[in-house]
Amino acid sequence: RLESGDIVEVDEDDIEKANPTQFDKVEDLTILPCLNESSILHTLRQRYAANLIHTFAGSHLIVINPMQQLPIYANKIAQMLKGSQQENMPPHIFS
């Protein structure tokens, strides 16, 4: 329904399914029940808004430039994550 009150009909094939809100900030996109372009972008936007710029997509790491300095690349963080198994750590360039 538009602000004017008009109703717009769309074809069911043009609608992508959405995930429940508990999946908004998942660390790995492969666990999304509905894995489609809009749900991936929604998850990445939610994580970015929370300064969670690293996200796994299976064994791949997606990193979005935060356009600001974040204290997540310090030597202390690198040492904490060094030698850890990926599945046991949050998404990070050092994990």
Foldseek 3Di string as FASTA:
>chain_A
DDPVPDDDDDDPVVDFDEAPPVQLADQELVPTPRRDDVNVVSSCVSCLVVVNQWHHHDPDIGGDDNVDDDPCPDPVNLVVLPPDDPVVDGGDPND
